[in-house]
C-alpha atoms as a PDB file:
ATOM      1  CA  LYS A   1       2.979 -14.078 -11.326  1.00  0.00           C
ATOM      2  CA  GLU A   2       5.205 -13.417 -14.307  1.00  0.00           C
ATOM      3  CA  LYS A   3       8.230 -13.064 -12.052  1.00  0.00           C
ATOM      4  CA  LYS A   4       7.224 -16.097 -10.017  1.00  0.00           C
ATOM      5  CA  ILE A   5       7.270 -14.162  -6.745  1.00  0.00           C
ATOM      6  CA  SER A   6       4.913 -15.377  -4.097  1.00  0.00           C
ATOM      7  CA  HIS A   7       2.199 -12.847  -3.261  1.00  0.00           C
ATOM      8  CA  GLU A   8      -1.341 -12.682  -1.869  1.00  0.00           C
ATOM      9  CA  LEU A   9      -4.323 -10.441  -2.497  1.00  0.00           C
ATOM     10  CA  LYS A  10      -6.329  -9.342   0.548  1.00  0.00           C
ATOM     11  CA  ILE A  11      -9.240  -6.952   0.317  1.00  0.00           C
ATOM     12  CA  LEU A  12      -9.315  -5.020   3.590  1.00  0.00           C
ATOM     13  CA  SER A  13     -10.394  -1.525   4.449  1.00  0.00           C
ATOM     14  CA  ALA A  14      -8.941   0.852   7.115  1.00  0.00           C
ATOM     15  CA  HIS A  15     -12.544   2.142   7.573  1.00  0.00           C
ATOM     16  CA  ARG A  16     -14.878  -0.824   6.978  1.00  0.00           C
ATOM     17  CA  ASN A  17     -12.994  -3.610   8.790  1.00  0.00           C
ATOM     18  CA  PRO A  18     -10.156  -2.132  10.910  1.00  0.00           C
ATOM     19  CA  ASP A  19     -10.081  -5.030  13.322  1.00  0.00           C
ATOM     20  CA  GLU A  20      -9.657  -7.525  10.523  1.00  0.00           C
ATOM     21  CA  LEU A  21      -6.872  -5.321   9.059  1.00  0.00           C
ATOM     22  CA  ASP A  22      -5.106  -5.227  12.472  1.00  0.00           C
ATOM     23  CA  GLU A  23      -5.349  -8.924  12.878  1.00  0.00           C
ATOM     24  CA  TYR A  24      -3.931  -9.550   9.342  1.00  0.00           C
ATOM     25  CA  LEU A  25      -1.064  -7.141   9.946  1.00  0.00           C
ATOM     26  CA  SER A  26      -0.207  -8.649  13.274  1.00  0.00           C
ATOM     27  CA  LYS A  27       0.164 -12.133  11.809  1.00  0.00           C
ATOM     28  CA  SER A  28       1.576 -11.172   8.416  1.00  0.00           C
ATOM     29  CA  THR A  29       5.077 -12.149   7.256  1.00  0.00           C
ATOM     30  CA  VAL A  30       4.826  -9.885   4.229  1.00  0.00           C
ATOM     31  CA  LEU A  31       8.126  -8.178   3.155  1.00  0.00           C
ATOM     32  CA  VAL A  32       6.536  -5.370   1.106  1.00  0.00           C
ATOM     33  CA  TYR A  33       2.973  -4.118   1.172  1.00  0.00           C
ATOM     34  CA  ILE A  34       1.094  -2.624  -1.755  1.00  0.00           C
ATOM     35  CA  ALA A  35      -2.032  -0.736  -0.694  1.00  0.00           C
ATOM     36  CA  VAL A  36      -4.514   0.369  -3.342  1.00  0.00           C
ATOM     37  CA  ALA A  37      -6.734   3.180  -2.098  1.00  0.00           C
ATOM     38  CA  GLY A  38      -9.085   5.893  -3.404  1.00  0.00           C
ATOM     39  CA  LEU A  39     -10.913   8.797  -1.984  1.00  0.00           C
ATOM     40  CA  SER A  40      -9.331   9.570   1.469  1.00  0.00           C
ATOM     41  CA  ALA A  41      -6.737   6.901   0.689  1.00  0.00           C
ATOM     42  CA  ALA A  42      -6.231   6.067   4.349  1.00  0.00           C
ATOM     43  CA  LEU A  43      -5.108   2.467   3.864  1.00  0.00           C
ATOM     44  CA  PRO A  44      -1.452   2.946   2.984  1.00  0.00           C
ATOM     45  CA  GLY A  45      -0.868   5.269   5.886  1.00  0.00           C
ATOM     46  CA  VAL A  46      -2.713   3.095   8.354  1.00  0.00           C
ATOM     47  CA  ILE A  47      -0.609   0.077   7.258  1.00  0.00           C
ATOM     48  CA  ALA A  48       2.648   2.113   7.424  1.00  0.00           C
ATOM     49  CA  SER A  49       1.780   3.261  11.013  1.00  0.00           C
ATOM     50  CA  LYS A  50       1.464  -0.368  12.137  1.00  0.00           C
ATOM     51  CA  VAL A  51       4.331  -2.195  10.362  1.00  0.00           C
ATOM     52  CA  GLU A  52       8.070  -1.772   9.840  1.00  0.00           C
ATOM     53  CA  GLU A  53       8.084  -3.144   6.225  1.00  0.00           C
ATOM     54  CA  PRO A  54       7.928  -0.875   3.148  1.00  0.00           C
ATOM     55  CA  VAL A  55       4.477   0.243   2.081  1.00  0.00           C
ATOM     56  CA  ILE A  56       3.709   1.347  -1.486  1.00  0.00           C
ATOM     57  CA  GLY A  57       0.543   3.303  -1.973  1.00  0.00           C
ATOM     58  CA  VAL A  58      -1.393   3.199  -5.185  1.00  0.00           C
ATOM     59  CA  PRO A  59      -3.934   6.022  -5.575  1.00  0.00           C
ATOM     60  CA  VAL A  60      -6.900   5.155  -7.706  1.00  0.00           C
ATOM     61  CA  ASN A  61      -9.205   7.379  -9.787  1.00  0.00           C
ATOM     62  CA  ALA A  62     -12.376   7.075  -7.675  1.00  0.00           C
ATOM     63  CA  LYS A  63     -13.142  10.850  -7.723  1.00  0.00           C
ATOM     64  CA  LEU A  64     -11.407  14.060  -8.654  1.00  0.00           C
ATOM     65  CA  GLY A  65      -9.291  12.162 -11.200  1.00  0.00           C
ATOM     66  CA  GLY A  66      -7.526  10.345  -8.314  1.00  0.00           C
ATOM     67  CA  LEU A  67      -5.820  13.538  -7.079  1.00  0.00           C
ATOM     68  CA  ASP A  68      -7.498  13.356  -3.704  1.00  0.00           C
ATOM     69  CA  ALA A  69      -6.110   9.911  -3.208  1.00  0.00           C
ATOM     70  CA  LEU A  70      -2.663  10.868  -4.566  1.00  0.00           C
ATOM     71  CA  LEU A  71      -2.372  13.800  -2.199  1.00  0.00           C
ATOM     72  CA  SER A  72      -3.553  11.758   0.765  1.00  0.00           C
ATOM     73  CA  ILE A  73      -0.920   9.164   0.177  1.00  0.00           C
ATOM     74  CA  VAL A  74       2.021  11.453  -0.328  1.00  0.00           C
ATOM     75  CA  GLN A  75       1.250  13.721   2.639  1.00  0.00           C
ATOM     76  CA  MET A  76       2.028  11.249   5.427  1.00  0.00           C
ATOM     77  CA  PRO A  77       3.088  12.628   8.742  1.00  0.00           C
ATOM     78  CA  PRO A  78       6.700  12.235  10.032  1.00  0.00           C
ATOM     79  CA  GLY A  79       7.511   8.616  10.906  1.00  0.00           C
ATOM     80  CA  VAL A  80       4.831   7.143   8.639  1.00  0.00           C
ATOM     81  CA  PRO A  81       6.638   6.651   5.347  1.00  0.00           C
ATOM     82  CA  VAL A  82       4.696   5.526   2.288  1.00  0.00           C
ATOM     83  CA  GLY A  83       6.087   5.210  -1.172  1.00  0.00           C
ATOM     84  CA  CYS A  84       3.625   6.327  -3.838  1.00  0.00           C
ATOM     85  CA  VAL A  85       3.235   5.512  -7.523  1.00  0.00           C
ATOM     86  CA  GLY A  86       1.089   7.280 -10.075  1.00  0.00           C
ATOM     87  CA  ILE A  87      -2.695   7.212 -10.168  1.00  0.00           C
ATOM     88  CA  ASP A  88      -3.971   3.758 -11.282  1.00  0.00           C
ATOM     89  CA  ARG A  89      -0.422   2.451 -11.592  1.00  0.00           C
ATOM     90  CA  GLY A  90      -0.579  -0.798  -9.699  1.00  0.00           C
ATOM     91  CA  ASP A  91       1.835  -2.205 -12.318  1.00  0.00           C
ATOM     92  CA  ASN A  92       4.480   0.205 -11.215  1.00  0.00           C
ATOM     93  CA  ALA A  93       3.877  -0.643  -7.536  1.00  0.00           C
ATOM     94  CA  ALA A  94       4.556  -4.310  -8.433  1.00  0.00           C
ATOM     95  CA  HIS A  95       7.827  -3.317 -10.279  1.00  0.00           C
ATOM     96  CA  LEU A  96       8.877  -1.192  -7.287  1.00  0.00           C
ATOM     97  CA  ALA A  97       8.115  -4.038  -4.848  1.00  0.00           C
ATOM     98  CA  ILE A  98      10.197  -6.380  -6.943  1.00  0.00           C
ATOM     99  CA  ARG A  99      13.119  -3.959  -6.808  1.00  0.00           C
ATOM    100  CA  ILE A 100      12.715  -3.639  -3.031  1.00  0.00           C
ATOM    101  CA  LEU A 101      12.616  -7.468  -2.678  1.00  0.00           C
ATOM    102  CA  ASN A 102      15.747  -7.717  -4.777  1.00  0.00           C
ATOM    103  CA  LEU A 103      17.589  -5.524  -2.250  1.00  0.00           C
ATOM    104  CA  LEU A 104      16.697  -7.954   0.500  1.00  0.00           C
ATOM    105  CA  LYS A 105      18.356 -10.912  -1.218  1.00  0.00           C
END
């Protein structure tokens, strides 16, 4: 909001509502995705496997100090790139997204 960049917040789960996630991604015009995830942290990788736009994963401290989520996000298979910021650093994900958007201007 502070940078006056249009954005939206969606609460979707790769496990709990995969069909709704697929529908959202198929209709989305988003330029950069930020996916906040804990535990198995599947969401960033699932999004990255379905879109061509950059995906930034934010691991959260749900258990194990967030290390489980961090390792899940950074260990994506070949062809499924996900950028990752520090545990609970959604603020850094926003700053990184802004820098990516600036490259697209």
